[in-house]
Structure formats: C-alpha cells, structure tokens
Amino acid sequence: MPHMYPKHFYLDKIKAKGWEDLKPDKRENEWQKQTEKYGFANYETWSLEYSFYIWLYEHINRYVDVCCVDLNFHKFMYNGKEYTQRELINEIIERLEFYFSDSDKHLSRRLPNKLKENKYVKEFGFYNDWDKKQYAIVAEIPKIWSIILPAMWW
C-alpha cells in the first residue's frame, strides 16, 4: 500500500529507520504475507517510536486535508498557554518533521527546502536524539497529541 504523506520525504516504502534506501530485500515476500495477515509487517515493530511517528504524520496530515470541522474552534491549554486545535496540529507536524530530519533517517538531504523553514531545524540543525534539549522537543509530541486527541474527529 502506498503511503502518501511520507512521499513528502520521497519515501517509497515505509520501513524501519534507515531502510528506505535499501535495494529490494529477499524478505519482501514474507513482509507482504505478514501485512496481509496482521495488517502490518514485523519490521514495523523494530522501532515503535518511528512507526508511531510515521503513522501520526500520515494521519494528522490527512485529517487536516479532509476534516470538515473548524480547527480553530476548540481551545486547549499547553504549557500554561491557550492554543487552538489547528495550532497544536501544526506544532505536532513541525516537531515530527524535525524528528524526521535526523540524518539516520536519510531525510535531511531529501527535503532541504522544506526543512529550512522548520523552526527547530533553524535553531538546532538536523535532529540529534543524543542532545537532551532536542530530544525533549520530540518527546513532547505524544503529550501534545494526547491533549488534542479527544477533538480529533469530524
């Protein structure tokens, strides 16, 4: 099944971290069988963080494209400040794109223009999960998601 939104990053196949550039793999047939049986392949469990962030990136972008609700209607408190649903969605997307800029994920060289606009890339350069301050930015994604999750329907 093609994945539309990671194609922003020119990913033809969503696989575990760093596998995007590999040539055809002899395990493809087995992964296809697993996908048919379980809905996903074993490689997706290699890094649930990465798999979840890919899922969230795809689904939150699609939600914005198709929802028929006013994303400025709901207001939420985050870190002592009020935000609209749209503002927090945009914040999640920006943090996810920062996460995907990590050179291990091979995206920094694929999306240089889009990443130039990312406020976190402007501040830190490409994502480095060994840097505690950068990791803290990405680690907030599930927290922000949990705040807006009750309103993520249309």
Protein backbone atom coordinates (compact mmCIF):
# COMPACT_ATOMS: atom_id res chain seq x y z
CA MET A 1 0.00 0.00 0.00
CA PRO A 2 1.47 3.40 -0.92
CA HIS A 3 1.94 6.00 1.77
CA MET A 4 1.04 9.47 0.53
CA TYR A 5 2.37 11.83 3.16
CA PRO A 6 5.81 10.35 3.72
CA LYS A 7 6.26 10.90 -0.01
CA HIS A 8 6.84 14.47 1.13
CA PHE A 9 10.12 12.86 2.12
CA TYR A 10 10.27 10.75 -1.05
CA LEU A 11 9.84 7.52 0.85
CA ASP A 12 8.50 4.86 -1.46
CA LYS A 13 8.38 2.27 1.28
CA ILE A 14 7.97 2.80 4.97
CA LYS A 15 10.39 0.57 6.74
CA ALA A 16 12.40 0.70 9.91
CA LYS A 17 14.82 3.56 10.44
CA GLY A 18 17.32 3.87 7.63
CA TRP A 19 15.90 1.08 5.47
CA GLU A 20 14.38 3.37 2.87
CA ASP A 21 17.41 3.30 0.59
CA LEU A 22 18.00 -0.43 0.55
CA LYS A 23 17.70 -2.37 -2.67
CA PRO A 24 14.93 -4.96 -2.91
CA ASP A 25 15.11 -7.26 0.08
CA LYS A 26 14.58 -11.01 -0.01
CA ARG A 27 12.27 -10.59 2.99
CA GLU A 28 9.74 -8.53 0.99
CA ASN A 29 7.53 -11.56 0.28
CA GLU A 30 7.47 -12.54 3.94
CA TRP A 31 6.66 -8.95 4.94
CA GLN A 32 3.84 -8.88 2.41
CA LYS A 33 2.37 -12.06 3.92
CA GLN A 34 2.65 -10.57 7.41
CA THR A 35 0.90 -7.41 6.22
CA GLU A 36 -1.92 -9.43 4.68
CA LYS A 37 -2.31 -11.48 7.86
CA TYR A 38 -1.80 -8.86 10.59
CA GLY A 39 -2.22 -5.52 8.79
CA PHE A 40 1.45 -4.69 9.29
CA ALA A 41 4.82 -6.40 8.94
CA ASN A 42 7.24 -7.39 11.69
CA TYR A 43 9.77 -4.73 10.68
CA GLU A 44 7.31 -2.08 11.89
CA THR A 45 7.88 -3.26 15.45
CA TRP A 46 11.63 -2.68 15.27
CA SER A 47 11.13 0.92 16.43
CA LEU A 48 7.62 1.63 17.62
CA GLU A 49 8.59 5.26 18.15
CA TYR A 50 9.44 5.63 14.46
CA SER A 51 6.43 3.59 13.33
CA PHE A 52 4.10 5.66 15.51
CA TYR A 53 5.55 8.94 14.27
CA ILE A 54 5.16 7.83 10.64
CA TRP A 55 1.55 6.81 11.39
CA LEU A 56 0.84 10.09 13.18
CA TYR A 57 2.45 12.18 10.44
CA GLU A 58 0.39 10.48 7.73
CA HIS A 59 -2.88 10.52 9.60
CA ILE A 60 -2.69 14.03 11.03
CA ASN A 61 -1.86 15.46 7.59
CA ARG A 62 -4.75 13.54 6.01
CA TYR A 63 -7.07 14.65 8.81
CA VAL A 64 -6.25 18.29 8.07
CA ASP A 65 -6.91 17.67 4.36
CA VAL A 66 -10.32 16.03 4.78
CA CYS A 67 -11.88 17.17 8.04
CA CYS A 68 -14.94 19.38 7.81
CA VAL A 69 -14.69 20.96 11.24
CA ASP A 70 -13.38 24.34 12.29
CA LEU A 71 -9.91 23.58 13.64
CA ASN A 72 -9.88 26.98 15.33
CA PHE A 73 -12.98 26.23 17.43
CA HIS A 74 -11.51 24.02 20.17
CA LYS A 75 -9.04 25.62 22.55
CA PHE A 76 -6.52 23.72 24.66
CA MET A 77 -4.05 24.58 27.37
CA TYR A 78 -0.47 23.51 26.75
CA ASN A 79 2.42 24.64 28.95
CA GLY A 80 0.27 27.35 30.52
CA LYS A 81 -0.83 28.91 27.21
CA GLU A 82 -4.05 28.56 25.21
CA TYR A 83 -3.83 27.17 21.68
CA THR A 84 -6.34 26.24 19.01
CA GLN A 85 -6.55 22.70 17.73
CA ARG A 86 -5.01 23.90 14.44
CA GLU A 87 -2.06 25.50 16.23
CA LEU A 88 -1.30 22.30 18.13
CA ILE A 89 -1.70 20.18 14.98
CA ASN A 90 0.79 22.45 13.23
CA GLU A 91 3.14 22.16 16.21
CA ILE A 92 2.99 18.37 16.07
CA ILE A 93 3.71 18.40 12.33
CA GLU A 94 6.67 20.74 12.80
CA ARG A 95 8.12 18.60 15.58
CA LEU A 96 7.62 15.43 13.52
CA GLU A 97 9.41 16.98 10.55
CA PHE A 98 12.24 17.96 12.89
CA TYR A 99 12.40 14.35 14.11
CA PHE A 100 12.47 13.10 10.52
CA SER A 101 15.36 15.46 9.69
CA ASP A 102 17.72 13.12 11.58
CA SER A 103 20.47 12.07 9.19
CA ASP A 104 19.92 8.42 10.17
CA LYS A 105 16.52 8.65 8.55
CA HIS A 106 18.06 9.97 5.32
CA LEU A 107 15.51 12.77 5.07
CA SER A 108 17.73 15.78 5.66
CA ARG A 109 19.19 15.51 2.16
CA ARG A 110 15.78 14.86 0.56
CA LEU A 111 13.82 17.82 1.85
CA PRO A 112 16.30 20.63 2.26
CA ASN A 113 13.89 23.42 1.25
CA LYS A 114 11.01 22.29 3.48
CA LEU A 115 13.32 21.75 6.42
CA LYS A 116 14.88 25.20 6.02
CA GLU A 117 11.53 26.62 7.18
CA ASN A 118 11.31 24.39 10.26
CA LYS A 119 11.84 26.48 13.42
CA TYR A 120 13.61 23.62 15.21
CA VAL A 121 15.96 22.90 12.32
CA LYS A 122 16.72 26.64 12.20
CA GLU A 123 17.61 26.57 15.89
CA PHE A 124 19.45 23.25 16.17
CA GLY A 125 20.22 21.97 12.70
CA PHE A 126 19.11 18.44 11.91
CA TYR A 127 17.70 16.39 14.77
CA ASN A 128 20.14 14.65 17.09
CA ASP A 129 18.44 12.38 19.63
CA TRP A 130 21.60 12.39 21.77
CA ASP A 131 21.01 16.06 22.55
CA LYS A 132 18.72 16.25 25.60
CA LYS A 133 17.15 19.56 24.61
CA GLN A 134 16.34 18.33 21.10
CA TYR A 135 15.04 15.01 22.41
CA ALA A 136 12.76 16.89 24.82
CA ILE A 137 11.18 18.74 21.87
CA VAL A 138 10.35 15.47 20.13
CA ALA A 139 9.33 13.73 23.36
CA GLU A 140 6.53 16.30 23.75
CA ILE A 141 4.78 15.05 20.58
CA PRO A 142 2.76 12.32 22.36
CA LYS A 143 1.86 14.77 25.13
CA ILE A 144 0.54 17.35 22.65
CA TRP A 145 -1.26 14.57 20.75
CA SER A 146 -2.95 13.41 23.96
CA ILE A 147 -4.23 16.94 24.61
CA ILE A 148 -5.97 17.30 21.24
CA LEU A 149 -6.91 13.64 20.73
CA PRO A 150 -10.48 13.97 22.10
CA ALA A 151 -11.20 16.59 19.41
CA MET A 152 -9.64 14.67 16.53
CA TRP A 153 -12.83 13.60 14.80
CA TRP A 154 -15.17 15.05 12.18
